[in-house]
Amino acid sequence: MNVYAAIVLAAGAALGVTALLGFVFIPWLHKLKFGQIILDIGPNWHKHKQGTPTMGGLMFIIGVPLAVAAALGTDALMGGRMLRFDDSFTVKMLSGLIMAMLFGLMGFLDDYTKVVKKRNKGLSISQKTAMQLLISGGYLFSLFLAMGSNPYTLIPFVGQVQVGWWFWPFGFAVLYATTNAVNFTDGIDGLCASVSMITGIGLAVFALMRGVFGAGVVAAALAGGCAGFLFWNRPTAKVFMGDTGSMFIGGLVVAIAFALDTPVILLLMGLIYVIEGLSDVLQIGYFKLTRGKRIFKMAPIHHHFEMSGWSEKKIGIIFSIVNVLGVAAAIAVAYYGLRAFIVL
């Protein structure tokens, strides 16, 4: 099967399945009274969102794997070789997809605890950290099986770097930081889905450049799933993805980056994730150092702009444009910095 056709099929199928599932899931979530709890410390105009169904991430958690299976299954039936279990790229991508779904399950447990107990706190920090350690450890062990005892990473303008045992703490740090940063981005209508759609497109392009077509199919499905979810999540949102969706997206973005052997590319591919995460870290650090002073009116930074008078629609558009610039920079850096590893 032509790789471009497979990517279009994956994106289109994920978009269609995710969007159509909204007609089933949103009434079901309403019936179960699985509504969002709004904090008092947030912008007061968020109060109207109280009760909007959450856990909508289930829609693309179903849509994305189904789209990947449809594209890769069609390729196999047509005699293609995108799905090769003797290929380390395939092993890393499939184990990464499982890892992302487990992170989605963790997010679901967090969301479920919130809605059942009618509070904005779900799982405790220690519970979340323990689950992240367990899921990350299993995923990193799968990378060990795929890569052998001397793991490596690609760094633009440097090349292939053997990182030895440092790969494991590095891998956990990337997973922990990215999943939490994506979770921070999910704070206003349509923001996380639109930014993640752009990141998915960028990762699909990078996968084509690297010749890792299975990862390209998964990235395209991610982009399509986010686009389908935006049908219901754009302002004014009829459903929120919740931690269920944001944790899945964070895990899948990392899985694709590791399947491409270039996790550092996420610094640009997911530029908004980086900005959102850093804004929260800076706010907390500055608050503690100065005993109560703040850099931003509220963190993560999208709330700062909200409290400065920006509409959710404006924030979504501006942040998406910034992420497009980050993706364009990442593609340029990859093209000029990883020429020996590109098949174009």
C-alpha atoms as a PDB file:
ATOM      1  CA  MET A   1       0.000   0.000   0.000  1.00  0.00           C
ATOM      2  CA  ASN A   2       1.267   3.452  -0.825  1.00  0.00           C
ATOM      3  CA  VAL A   3       2.533   5.057   2.384  1.00  0.00           C
ATOM      4  CA  TYR A   4       0.814   8.358   1.681  1.00  0.00           C
ATOM      5  CA  ALA A   5      -2.487   6.550   1.162  1.00  0.00           C
ATOM      6  CA  ALA A   6      -1.986   4.727   4.477  1.00  0.00           C
ATOM      7  CA  ILE A   7      -1.339   8.007   6.284  1.00  0.00           C
ATOM      8  CA  VAL A   8      -4.420   9.635   4.747  1.00  0.00           C
ATOM      9  CA  LEU A   9      -6.482   6.550   5.654  1.00  0.00           C
ATOM     10  CA  ALA A  10      -5.247   6.626   9.257  1.00  0.00           C
ATOM     11  CA  ALA A  11      -5.934  10.349   9.669  1.00  0.00           C
ATOM     12  CA  GLY A  12      -9.350  10.152   8.005  1.00  0.00           C
ATOM     13  CA  ALA A  13     -10.451   7.067   9.921  1.00  0.00           C
ATOM     14  CA  ALA A  14      -9.377   8.530  13.281  1.00  0.00           C
ATOM     15  CA  LEU A  15     -11.143  11.799  12.501  1.00  0.00           C
ATOM     16  CA  GLY A  16     -14.353  10.061  11.432  1.00  0.00           C
ATOM     17  CA  VAL A  17     -14.514   7.526  14.272  1.00  0.00           C
ATOM     18  CA  THR A  18     -13.695  10.101  16.947  1.00  0.00           C
ATOM     19  CA  ALA A  19     -16.203  12.648  15.660  1.00  0.00           C
ATOM     20  CA  LEU A  20     -18.971  10.055  15.286  1.00  0.00           C
ATOM     21  CA  LEU A  21     -18.358   8.645  18.772  1.00  0.00           C
ATOM     22  CA  GLY A  22     -19.314  12.058  20.142  1.00  0.00           C
ATOM     23  CA  PHE A  23     -22.943  11.344  19.248  1.00  0.00           C
ATOM     24  CA  VAL A  24     -22.782   8.304  21.558  1.00  0.00           C
ATOM     25  CA  PHE A  25     -20.358   9.305  24.301  1.00  0.00           C
ATOM     26  CA  ILE A  26     -21.563  12.822  25.105  1.00  0.00           C
ATOM     27  CA  PRO A  27     -25.195  11.821  25.878  1.00  0.00           C
ATOM     28  CA  TRP A  28     -23.851   8.800  27.815  1.00  0.00           C
ATOM     29  CA  LEU A  29     -21.529  10.995  29.919  1.00  0.00           C
ATOM     30  CA  HIS A  30     -24.425  13.403  30.548  1.00  0.00           C
ATOM     31  CA  LYS A  31     -26.588  10.504  31.688  1.00  0.00           C
ATOM     32  CA  LEU A  32     -23.882   9.312  34.093  1.00  0.00           C
ATOM     33  CA  LYS A  33     -23.469  12.910  35.351  1.00  0.00           C
ATOM     34  CA  PHE A  34     -19.724  12.758  34.645  1.00  0.00           C
ATOM     35  CA  GLY A  35     -19.359  16.549  34.626  1.00  0.00           C
ATOM     36  CA  GLN A  36     -16.311  18.748  35.138  1.00  0.00           C
ATOM     37  CA  ILE A  37     -15.755  20.358  38.556  1.00  0.00           C
ATOM     38  CA  ILE A  38     -14.559  23.974  38.209  1.00  0.00           C
ATOM     39  CA  LEU A  39     -12.102  25.443  40.724  1.00  0.00           C
ATOM     40  CA  ASP A  40     -12.959  28.746  42.437  1.00  0.00           C
ATOM     41  CA  ILE A  41      -9.415  30.092  41.863  1.00  0.00           C
ATOM     42  CA  GLY A  42      -9.782  30.043  38.080  1.00  0.00           C
ATOM     43  CA  PRO A  43     -11.255  32.752  35.858  1.00  0.00           C
ATOM     44  CA  ASN A  44     -14.812  33.357  37.061  1.00  0.00           C
ATOM     45  CA  TRP A  45     -16.204  33.034  33.511  1.00  0.00           C
ATOM     46  CA  HIS A  46     -15.275  29.323  33.627  1.00  0.00           C
ATOM     47  CA  LYS A  47     -18.174  28.755  36.010  1.00  0.00           C
ATOM     48  CA  HIS A  48     -20.562  28.213  33.109  1.00  0.00           C
ATOM     49  CA  LYS A  49     -18.519  25.117  32.231  1.00  0.00           C
ATOM     50  CA  GLN A  50     -19.525  23.422  35.478  1.00  0.00           C
ATOM     51  CA  GLY A  51     -21.077  20.067  34.620  1.00  0.00           C
ATOM     52  CA  THR A  52     -19.765  19.860  31.037  1.00  0.00           C
ATOM     53  CA  PRO A  53     -19.001  16.158  30.439  1.00  0.00           C
ATOM     54  CA  THR A  54     -15.386  15.129  30.912  1.00  0.00           C
ATOM     55  CA  MET A  55     -13.517  11.908  29.984  1.00  0.00           C
ATOM     56  CA  GLY A  56     -14.201  12.694  26.318  1.00  0.00           C
ATOM     57  CA  GLY A  57     -10.664  11.547  25.583  1.00  0.00           C
ATOM     58  CA  LEU A  58     -12.156   8.047  25.408  1.00  0.00           C
ATOM     59  CA  MET A  59     -13.433   9.042  21.972  1.00  0.00           C
ATOM     60  CA  PHE A  60      -9.973   9.332  20.416  1.00  0.00           C
ATOM     61  CA  ILE A  61      -8.470   6.629  22.632  1.00  0.00           C
ATOM     62  CA  ILE A  62     -10.824   4.351  20.702  1.00  0.00           C
ATOM     63  CA  GLY A  63     -10.535   6.189  17.379  1.00  0.00           C
ATOM     64  CA  VAL A  64      -6.739   6.331  17.123  1.00  0.00           C
ATOM     65  CA  PRO A  65      -5.924   2.606  17.640  1.00  0.00           C
ATOM     66  CA  LEU A  66      -8.816   1.598  15.352  1.00  0.00           C
ATOM     67  CA  ALA A  67      -7.492   3.917  12.638  1.00  0.00           C
ATOM     68  CA  VAL A  68      -3.949   2.551  13.051  1.00  0.00           C
ATOM     69  CA  ALA A  69      -5.273  -1.018  12.839  1.00  0.00           C
ATOM     70  CA  ALA A  70      -7.304  -0.153   9.721  1.00  0.00           C
ATOM     71  CA  ALA A  71      -4.331   1.438   7.942  1.00  0.00           C
ATOM     72  CA  LEU A  72      -1.755  -1.193   8.875  1.00  0.00           C
ATOM     73  CA  GLY A  73      -4.254  -4.037   8.318  1.00  0.00           C
ATOM     74  CA  THR A  74      -5.088  -2.733   4.846  1.00  0.00           C
ATOM     75  CA  ASP A  75      -1.375  -2.438   4.097  1.00  0.00           C
ATOM     76  CA  ALA A  76      -0.808  -6.063   5.196  1.00  0.00           C
ATOM     77  CA  LEU A  77      -3.710  -7.333   3.079  1.00  0.00           C
ATOM     78  CA  MET A  78      -2.238  -5.541   0.069  1.00  0.00           C
ATOM     79  CA  GLY A  79       1.136  -7.175   0.634  1.00  0.00           C
ATOM     80  CA  GLY A  80       2.803  -4.190   2.278  1.00  0.00           C
ATOM     81  CA  ARG A  81       5.489  -4.364   4.927  1.00  0.00           C
ATOM     82  CA  MET A  82       4.768  -1.444   7.241  1.00  0.00           C
ATOM     83  CA  LEU A  83       3.989  -3.814  10.116  1.00  0.00           C
ATOM     84  CA  ARG A  84       7.122  -5.922  10.677  1.00  0.00           C
ATOM     85  CA  PHE A  85       7.566  -7.573  14.033  1.00  0.00           C
ATOM     86  CA  ASP A  86      11.241  -8.196  13.269  1.00  0.00           C
ATOM     87  CA  ASP A  87      11.724  -4.444  13.018  1.00  0.00           C
ATOM     88  CA  SER A  88      12.723  -2.547  16.199  1.00  0.00           C
ATOM     89  CA  PHE A  89      10.815   0.516  14.973  1.00  0.00           C
ATOM     90  CA  THR A  90       7.575  -1.485  14.924  1.00  0.00           C
ATOM     91  CA  VAL A  91       8.212  -2.991  18.359  1.00  0.00           C
ATOM     92  CA  LYS A  92       8.902   0.444  19.828  1.00  0.00           C
ATOM     93  CA  MET A  93       5.802   1.947  18.214  1.00  0.00           C
ATOM     94  CA  LEU A  94       3.409  -0.807  19.251  1.00  0.00           C
ATOM     95  CA  SER A  95       4.715  -0.906  22.822  1.00  0.00           C
ATOM     96  CA  GLY A  96       4.421   2.882  22.859  1.00  0.00           C
ATOM     97  CA  LEU A  97       0.781   2.700  21.762  1.00  0.00           C
ATOM     98  CA  ILE A  98       0.081   0.291  24.619  1.00  0.00           C
ATOM     99  CA  MET A  99       1.935   2.613  27.008  1.00  0.00           C
ATOM    100  CA  ALA A 100      -0.168   5.586  25.867  1.00  0.00           C
ATOM    101  CA  MET A 101      -3.383   3.620  26.443  1.00  0.00           C
ATOM    102  CA  LEU A 102      -2.209   2.733  29.958  1.00  0.00           C
ATOM    103  CA  PHE A 103      -1.561   6.412  30.628  1.00  0.00           C
ATOM    104  CA  GLY A 104      -5.068   7.053  29.334  1.00  0.00           C
ATOM    105  CA  LEU A 105      -6.364   4.467  31.816  1.00  0.00           C
ATOM    106  CA  MET A 106      -4.503   6.254  34.594  1.00  0.00           C
ATOM    107  CA  GLY A 107      -6.100   9.522  33.519  1.00  0.00           C
ATOM    108  CA  PHE A 108      -9.510   7.814  33.457  1.00  0.00           C
ATOM    109  CA  LEU A 109      -9.059   6.669  37.058  1.00  0.00           C
ATOM    110  CA  ASP A 110      -8.112  10.228  38.009  1.00  0.00           C
ATOM    111  CA  ASP A 111     -11.151  11.698  36.214  1.00  0.00           C
ATOM    112  CA  TYR A 112     -13.467   9.042  37.629  1.00  0.00           C
ATOM    113  CA  THR A 113     -12.297   9.792  41.177  1.00  0.00           C
ATOM    114  CA  LYS A 114     -13.015  13.498  40.606  1.00  0.00           C
ATOM    115  CA  VAL A 115     -16.540  13.060  39.293  1.00  0.00           C
ATOM    116  CA  VAL A 116     -17.545  10.409  41.833  1.00  0.00           C
ATOM    117  CA  LYS A 117     -16.249  12.434  44.799  1.00  0.00           C
ATOM    118  CA  LYS A 118     -17.481  15.731  43.261  1.00  0.00           C
ATOM    119  CA  ARG A 119     -14.163  17.517  43.758  1.00  0.00           C
ATOM    120  CA  ASN A 120     -11.375  18.833  41.548  1.00  0.00           C
ATOM    121  CA  LYS A 121      -8.778  16.503  43.088  1.00  0.00           C
ATOM    122  CA  GLY A 122      -8.561  12.968  41.834  1.00  0.00           C
ATOM    123  CA  LEU A 123      -5.707  10.573  42.525  1.00  0.00           C
ATOM    124  CA  SER A 124      -3.060  11.741  44.979  1.00  0.00           C
ATOM    125  CA  ILE A 125       0.361  12.873  43.748  1.00  0.00           C
ATOM    126  CA  SER A 126       1.955   9.739  45.214  1.00  0.00           C
ATOM    127  CA  GLN A 127      -0.600   7.502  43.462  1.00  0.00           C
ATOM    128  CA  LYS A 128      -0.046   9.254  40.127  1.00  0.00           C
ATOM    129  CA  THR A 129       3.740   9.113  40.473  1.00  0.00           C
ATOM    130  CA  ALA A 130       3.683   5.414  41.367  1.00  0.00           C
ATOM    131  CA  MET A 131       1.511   4.623  38.347  1.00  0.00           C
ATOM    132  CA  GLN A 132       3.686   6.755  36.059  1.00  0.00           C
ATOM    133  CA  LEU A 133       6.791   4.939  37.329  1.00  0.00           C
ATOM    134  CA  LEU A 134       5.191   1.550  36.722  1.00  0.00           C
ATOM    135  CA  ILE A 135       3.920   2.352  33.214  1.00  0.00           C
ATOM    136  CA  SER A 136       7.132   4.141  32.224  1.00  0.00           C
ATOM    137  CA  GLY A 137       9.259   1.310  33.569  1.00  0.00           C
ATOM    138  CA  GLY A 138       7.372  -1.267  31.510  1.00  0.00           C
ATOM    139  CA  TYR A 139       7.641   0.858  28.373  1.00  0.00           C
ATOM    140  CA  LEU A 140      11.353   1.564  28.860  1.00  0.00           C
ATOM    141  CA  PHE A 141      11.963  -2.153  29.374  1.00  0.00           C
ATOM    142  CA  SER A 142      10.316  -2.777  25.994  1.00  0.00           C
ATOM    143  CA  LEU A 143      12.734  -0.251  24.476  1.00  0.00           C
ATOM    144  CA  PHE A 144      15.594  -2.173  26.114  1.00  0.00           C
ATOM    145  CA  LEU A 145      14.368  -5.367  24.422  1.00  0.00           C
ATOM    146  CA  ALA A 146      14.103  -3.557  21.074  1.00  0.00           C
ATOM    147  CA  MET A 147      17.398  -1.636  21.241  1.00  0.00           C
ATOM    148  CA  GLY A 148      19.651  -3.964  23.212  1.00  0.00           C
ATOM    149  CA  SER A 149      21.983  -3.139  26.062  1.00  0.00           C
ATOM    150  CA  ASN A 150      23.533  -0.066  24.426  1.00  0.00           C
ATOM    151  CA  PRO A 151      20.662   2.328  23.709  1.00  0.00           C
ATOM    152  CA  TYR A 152      21.154   5.452  21.661  1.00  0.00           C
ATOM    153  CA  THR A 153      19.405   8.629  20.651  1.00  0.00           C
ATOM    154  CA  LEU A 154      19.727  10.940  17.661  1.00  0.00           C
ATOM    155  CA  ILE A 155      20.658  14.548  18.341  1.00  0.00           C
ATOM    156  CA  PRO A 156      20.505  17.063  15.472  1.00  0.00           C
ATOM    157  CA  PHE A 157      23.933  18.280  14.290  1.00  0.00           C
ATOM    158  CA  VAL A 158      25.592  15.682  16.558  1.00  0.00           C
ATOM    159  CA  GLY A 159      24.321  12.378  15.199  1.00  0.00           C
ATOM    160  CA  GLN A 160      23.793   9.042  16.916  1.00  0.00           C
ATOM    161  CA  VAL A 161      24.808   9.244  20.573  1.00  0.00           C
ATOM    162  CA  GLN A 162      25.292   6.150  22.732  1.00  0.00           C
ATOM    163  CA  VAL A 163      23.871   7.198  26.091  1.00  0.00           C
ATOM    164  CA  GLY A 164      24.307   3.963  28.038  1.00  0.00           C
ATOM    165  CA  TRP A 165      22.454   3.667  31.337  1.00  0.00           C
ATOM    166  CA  TRP A 166      21.589   7.392  31.224  1.00  0.00           C
ATOM    167  CA  PHE A 167      18.956   6.462  28.656  1.00  0.00           C
ATOM    168  CA  TRP A 168      16.661   5.141  31.388  1.00  0.00           C
ATOM    169  CA  PRO A 169      16.459   8.179  33.700  1.00  0.00           C
ATOM    170  CA  PHE A 170      16.379  10.331  30.576  1.00  0.00           C
ATOM    171  CA  GLY A 171      13.472   8.292  29.193  1.00  0.00           C
ATOM    172  CA  PHE A 172      11.505   8.586  32.421  1.00  0.00           C
ATOM    173  CA  ALA A 173      12.173  12.338  32.600  1.00  0.00           C
ATOM    174  CA  VAL A 174      10.890  12.804  29.034  1.00  0.00           C
ATOM    175  CA  LEU A 175       7.761  10.771  29.770  1.00  0.00           C
ATOM    176  CA  TYR A 176       7.046  12.482  33.085  1.00  0.00           C
ATOM    177  CA  ALA A 177       7.647  16.001  31.775  1.00  0.00           C
ATOM    178  CA  THR A 178       5.739  15.543  28.516  1.00  0.00           C
ATOM    179  CA  THR A 179       2.642  13.842  29.930  1.00  0.00           C
ATOM    180  CA  ASN A 180       2.339  16.500  32.636  1.00  0.00           C
ATOM    181  CA  ALA A 181       2.992  19.362  30.187  1.00  0.00           C
ATOM    182  CA  VAL A 182       0.286  18.079  27.829  1.00  0.00           C
ATOM    183  CA  ASN A 183      -2.014  17.832  30.832  1.00  0.00           C
ATOM    184  CA  PHE A 184      -1.293  21.511  31.675  1.00  0.00           C
ATOM    185  CA  THR A 185      -2.192  22.472  28.103  1.00  0.00           C
ATOM    186  CA  ASP A 186      -5.669  21.024  28.541  1.00  0.00           C
ATOM    187  CA  GLY A 187      -7.107  24.047  30.340  1.00  0.00           C
ATOM    188  CA  ILE A 188      -9.361  25.840  27.870  1.00  0.00           C
ATOM    189  CA  ASP A 189     -11.679  24.767  25.066  1.00  0.00           C
ATOM    190  CA  GLY A 190      -9.910  23.302  22.049  1.00  0.00           C
ATOM    191  CA  LEU A 191      -6.367  24.230  23.082  1.00  0.00           C
ATOM    192  CA  CYS A 192      -4.804  20.828  23.762  1.00  0.00           C
ATOM    193  CA  ALA A 193      -6.585  19.177  20.828  1.00  0.00           C
ATOM    194  CA  SER A 194      -5.555  21.861  18.312  1.00  0.00           C
ATOM    195  CA  VAL A 195      -1.942  22.010  19.493  1.00  0.00           C
ATOM    196  CA  SER A 196      -1.688  18.202  19.555  1.00  0.00           C
ATOM    197  CA  MET A 197      -3.177  17.956  16.058  1.00  0.00           C
ATOM    198  CA  ILE A 198      -0.373  20.218  14.800  1.00  0.00           C
ATOM    199  CA  THR A 199       2.259  18.213  16.692  1.00  0.00           C
ATOM    200  CA  GLY A 200       0.846  14.992  15.223  1.00  0.00           C
ATOM    201  CA  ILE A 201       1.098  16.408  11.696  1.00  0.00           C
ATOM    202  CA  GLY A 202       4.683  17.460  12.348  1.00  0.00           C
ATOM    203  CA  LEU A 203       5.631  14.035  13.714  1.00  0.00           C
ATOM    204  CA  ALA A 204       4.024  12.365  10.675  1.00  0.00           C
ATOM    205  CA  VAL A 205       6.135  14.522   8.340  1.00  0.00           C
ATOM    206  CA  PHE A 206       9.268  13.736  10.355  1.00  0.00           C
ATOM    207  CA  ALA A 207       8.446  10.008  10.255  1.00  0.00           C
ATOM    208  CA  LEU A 208       8.218  10.164   6.453  1.00  0.00           C
ATOM    209  CA  MET A 209      11.582  11.924   6.365  1.00  0.00           C
ATOM    210  CA  ARG A 210      13.092   9.159   8.522  1.00  0.00           C
ATOM    211  CA  GLY A 211      11.400   6.397   6.555  1.00  0.00           C
ATOM    212  CA  VAL A 212       9.674   5.049   9.672  1.00  0.00           C
ATOM    213  CA  PHE A 213       6.274   4.662   8.053  1.00  0.00           C
ATOM    214  CA  GLY A 214       4.529   2.854  10.932  1.00  0.00           C
ATOM    215  CA  ALA A 215       5.263   5.792  13.211  1.00  0.00           C
ATOM    216  CA  GLY A 216       3.965   8.097  10.479  1.00  0.00           C
ATOM    217  CA  VAL A 217       0.658   6.206  10.439  1.00  0.00           C
ATOM    218  CA  VAL A 218       0.311   6.500  14.234  1.00  0.00           C
ATOM    219  CA  ALA A 219       1.180  10.216  14.165  1.00  0.00           C
ATOM    220  CA  ALA A 220      -1.371  10.812  11.400  1.00  0.00           C
ATOM    221  CA  ALA A 221      -4.010   8.938  13.413  1.00  0.00           C
ATOM    222  CA  LEU A 222      -3.205  11.143  16.417  1.00  0.00           C
ATOM    223  CA  ALA A 223      -3.668  14.262  14.303  1.00  0.00           C
ATOM    224  CA  GLY A 224      -6.939  12.925  12.877  1.00  0.00           C
ATOM    225  CA  GLY A 225      -8.248  11.921  16.301  1.00  0.00           C
ATOM    226  CA  CYS A 226      -7.548  15.387  17.683  1.00  0.00           C
ATOM    227  CA  ALA A 227      -9.268  16.968  14.660  1.00  0.00           C
ATOM    228  CA  GLY A 228     -12.319  14.763  15.206  1.00  0.00           C
ATOM    229  CA  PHE A 229     -12.395  15.684  18.882  1.00  0.00           C
ATOM    230  CA  LEU A 230     -12.248  19.395  18.024  1.00  0.00           C
ATOM    231  CA  PHE A 231     -15.645  18.980  16.365  1.00  0.00           C
ATOM    232  CA  TRP A 232     -17.028  18.690  19.928  1.00  0.00           C
ATOM    233  CA  ASN A 233     -14.330  20.480  21.945  1.00  0.00           C
ATOM    234  CA  ARG A 234     -13.907  23.779  20.093  1.00  0.00           C
ATOM    235  CA  PRO A 235     -15.293  26.847  21.933  1.00  0.00           C
ATOM    236  CA  THR A 236     -17.856  26.525  23.410  1.00  0.00           C
ATOM    237  CA  ALA A 237     -16.955  22.918  24.262  1.00  0.00           C
ATOM    238  CA  LYS A 238     -19.636  20.262  24.550  1.00  0.00           C
ATOM    239  CA  VAL A 239     -17.160  17.821  26.112  1.00  0.00           C
ATOM    240  CA  PHE A 240     -13.697  17.917  27.705  1.00  0.00           C
ATOM    241  CA  MET A 241     -10.984  15.333  27.113  1.00  0.00           C
ATOM    242  CA  GLY A 242     -10.045  15.231  30.803  1.00  0.00           C
ATOM    243  CA  ASP A 243      -6.876  13.627  32.111  1.00  0.00           C
ATOM    244  CA  THR A 244      -8.115  10.546  30.244  1.00  0.00           C
ATOM    245  CA  GLY A 245      -7.325  12.224  26.939  1.00  0.00           C
ATOM    246  CA  SER A 246      -4.390  14.459  27.831  1.00  0.00           C
ATOM    247  CA  MET A 247      -2.390  11.652  29.462  1.00  0.00           C
ATOM    248  CA  PHE A 248      -2.996   9.433  26.424  1.00  0.00           C
ATOM    249  CA  ILE A 249      -1.837  12.193  24.070  1.00  0.00           C
ATOM    250  CA  GLY A 250       1.269  12.858  26.174  1.00  0.00           C
ATOM    251  CA  GLY A 251       2.204   9.188  26.191  1.00  0.00           C
ATOM    252  CA  LEU A 252       1.601   8.774  22.461  1.00  0.00           C
ATOM    253  CA  VAL A 253       3.625  11.856  21.515  1.00  0.00           C
ATOM    254  CA  VAL A 254       6.572  10.482  23.501  1.00  0.00           C
ATOM    255  CA  ALA A 255       6.120   7.011  21.983  1.00  0.00           C
ATOM    256  CA  ILE A 256       6.288   8.401  18.439  1.00  0.00           C
ATOM    257  CA  ALA A 257       9.375  10.478  19.279  1.00  0.00           C
ATOM    258  CA  PHE A 258      11.169   7.443  20.748  1.00  0.00           C
ATOM    259  CA  ALA A 259      10.134   5.283  17.789  1.00  0.00           C
ATOM    260  CA  LEU A 260      11.878   7.893  15.633  1.00  0.00           C
ATOM    261  CA  ASP A 261      14.930   7.742  17.958  1.00  0.00           C
ATOM    262  CA  THR A 262      14.752  11.513  18.443  1.00  0.00           C
ATOM    263  CA  PRO A 263      12.934  12.437  21.683  1.00  0.00           C
ATOM    264  CA  VAL A 264      14.755  15.795  21.840  1.00  0.00           C
ATOM    265  CA  ILE A 265      12.756  16.903  18.786  1.00  0.00           C
ATOM    266  CA  LEU A 266       9.763  17.336  21.119  1.00  0.00           C
ATOM    267  CA  LEU A 267      11.328  20.544  22.435  1.00  0.00           C
ATOM    268  CA  LEU A 268      10.277  22.121  19.125  1.00  0.00           C
ATOM    269  CA  MET A 269       7.537  19.767  17.897  1.00  0.00           C
ATOM    270  CA  GLY A 270       5.663  20.344  21.135  1.00  0.00           C
ATOM    271  CA  LEU A 271       6.750  23.935  21.700  1.00  0.00           C
ATOM    272  CA  ILE A 272       3.493  24.917  23.404  1.00  0.00           C
ATOM    273  CA  TYR A 273       3.792  21.923  25.742  1.00  0.00           C
ATOM    274  CA  VAL A 274       7.237  23.203  26.731  1.00  0.00           C
ATOM    275  CA  ILE A 275       5.998  26.763  27.262  1.00  0.00           C
ATOM    276  CA  GLU A 276       3.008  25.616  29.319  1.00  0.00           C
ATOM    277  CA  GLY A 277       5.107  23.301  31.491  1.00  0.00           C
ATOM    278  CA  LEU A 278       7.876  25.852  32.043  1.00  0.00           C
ATOM    279  CA  SER A 279       5.381  28.574  32.948  1.00  0.00           C
ATOM    280  CA  ASP A 280       4.016  26.391  35.736  1.00  0.00           C
ATOM    281  CA  VAL A 281       7.485  25.457  37.023  1.00  0.00           C
ATOM    282  CA  LEU A 282       8.644  29.095  36.926  1.00  0.00           C
ATOM    283  CA  GLN A 283       5.502  30.290  38.692  1.00  0.00           C
ATOM    284  CA  ILE A 284       5.882  27.772  41.522  1.00  0.00           C
ATOM    285  CA  GLY A 285       9.643  28.341  41.859  1.00  0.00           C
ATOM    286  CA  TYR A 286       9.344  32.148  41.875  1.00  0.00           C
ATOM    287  CA  PHE A 287       6.435  32.004  44.331  1.00  0.00           C
ATOM    288  CA  LYS A 288       8.503  29.951  46.786  1.00  0.00           C
ATOM    289  CA  LEU A 289      11.680  32.003  46.367  1.00  0.00           C
ATOM    290  CA  THR A 290       9.924  35.343  46.821  1.00  0.00           C
ATOM    291  CA  ARG A 291       7.455  34.072  49.447  1.00  0.00           C
ATOM    292  CA  GLY A 292       4.293  34.886  47.600  1.00  0.00           C
ATOM    293  CA  LYS A 293       5.127  36.910  44.493  1.00  0.00           C
ATOM    294  CA  ARG A 294       4.078  35.752  41.041  1.00  0.00           C
ATOM    295  CA  ILE A 295       5.445  36.077  37.498  1.00  0.00           C
ATOM    296  CA  PHE A 296       2.088  35.406  35.852  1.00  0.00           C
ATOM    297  CA  LYS A 297      -1.428  36.293  36.933  1.00  0.00           C
ATOM    298  CA  MET A 298      -2.098  32.561  36.866  1.00  0.00           C
ATOM    299  CA  ALA A 299      -0.280  29.493  35.582  1.00  0.00           C
ATOM    300  CA  PRO A 300      -0.141  27.655  33.246  1.00  0.00           C
ATOM    301  CA  ILE A 301       0.382  30.603  30.959  1.00  0.00           C
ATOM    302  CA  HIS A 302      -2.851  30.280  28.962  1.00  0.00           C
ATOM    303  CA  HIS A 303      -4.701  31.267  32.152  1.00  0.00           C
ATOM    304  CA  HIS A 304      -2.487  34.369  32.411  1.00  0.00           C
ATOM    305  CA  PHE A 305      -3.680  35.490  28.987  1.00  0.00           C
ATOM    306  CA  GLU A 306      -7.265  34.629  29.900  1.00  0.00           C
ATOM    307  CA  MET A 307      -7.061  36.835  32.974  1.00  0.00           C
ATOM    308  CA  SER A 308      -5.508  39.553  30.809  1.00  0.00           C
ATOM    309  CA  GLY A 309      -8.677  39.641  28.699  1.00  0.00           C
ATOM    310  CA  TRP A 310      -7.899  37.260  25.838  1.00  0.00           C
ATOM    311  CA  SER A 311     -10.770  35.044  24.686  1.00  0.00           C
ATOM    312  CA  GLU A 312     -10.347  31.266  24.599  1.00  0.00           C
ATOM    313  CA  LYS A 313     -10.663  31.389  20.810  1.00  0.00           C
ATOM    314  CA  LYS A 314      -7.854  33.965  20.531  1.00  0.00           C
ATOM    315  CA  ILE A 315      -5.584  31.973  22.833  1.00  0.00           C
ATOM    316  CA  GLY A 316      -6.246  28.818  20.821  1.00  0.00           C
ATOM    317  CA  ILE A 317      -5.402  30.525  17.533  1.00  0.00           C
ATOM    318  CA  ILE A 318      -2.248  32.280  18.786  1.00  0.00           C
ATOM    319  CA  PHE A 319      -0.928  29.225  20.612  1.00  0.00           C
ATOM    320  CA  SER A 320      -1.605  27.055  17.550  1.00  0.00           C
ATOM    321  CA  ILE A 321       0.340  29.482  15.356  1.00  0.00           C
ATOM    322  CA  VAL A 322       3.250  29.359  17.816  1.00  0.00           C
ATOM    323  CA  ASN A 323       3.175  25.556  17.699  1.00  0.00           C
ATOM    324  CA  VAL A 324       3.128  25.613  13.885  1.00  0.00           C
ATOM    325  CA  LEU A 325       6.304  27.723  14.026  1.00  0.00           C
ATOM    326  CA  GLY A 326       7.826  25.225  16.454  1.00  0.00           C
ATOM    327  CA  VAL A 327       6.971  22.311  14.154  1.00  0.00           C
ATOM    328  CA  ALA A 328       8.405  24.156  11.135  1.00  0.00           C
ATOM    329  CA  ALA A 329      11.615  24.810  13.080  1.00  0.00           C
ATOM    330  CA  ALA A 330      11.760  21.141  14.126  1.00  0.00           C
ATOM    331  CA  ILE A 331      11.419  19.954  10.513  1.00  0.00           C
ATOM    332  CA  ALA A 332      14.171  22.355   9.424  1.00  0.00           C
ATOM    333  CA  VAL A 333      16.458  21.272  12.266  1.00  0.00           C
ATOM    334  CA  ALA A 334      15.805  17.600  11.455  1.00  0.00           C
ATOM    335  CA  TYR A 335      16.415  18.118   7.726  1.00  0.00           C
ATOM    336  CA  TYR A 336      19.708  19.958   8.145  1.00  0.00           C
ATOM    337  CA  GLY A 337      20.847  18.319  11.383  1.00  0.00           C
ATOM    338  CA  LEU A 338      20.031  14.666  10.675  1.00  0.00           C
ATOM    339  CA  ARG A 339      20.777  14.368   6.937  1.00  0.00           C
ATOM    340  CA  ALA A 340      22.505  11.001   7.342  1.00  0.00           C
ATOM    341  CA  PHE A 341      19.359   9.512   8.917  1.00  0.00           C
ATOM    342  CA  ILE A 342      16.798  10.876   6.444  1.00  0.00           C
ATOM    343  CA  VAL A 343      15.626   8.828   3.464  1.00  0.00           C
ATOM    344  CA  LEU A 344      14.205  11.649   1.327  1.00  0.00           C
END
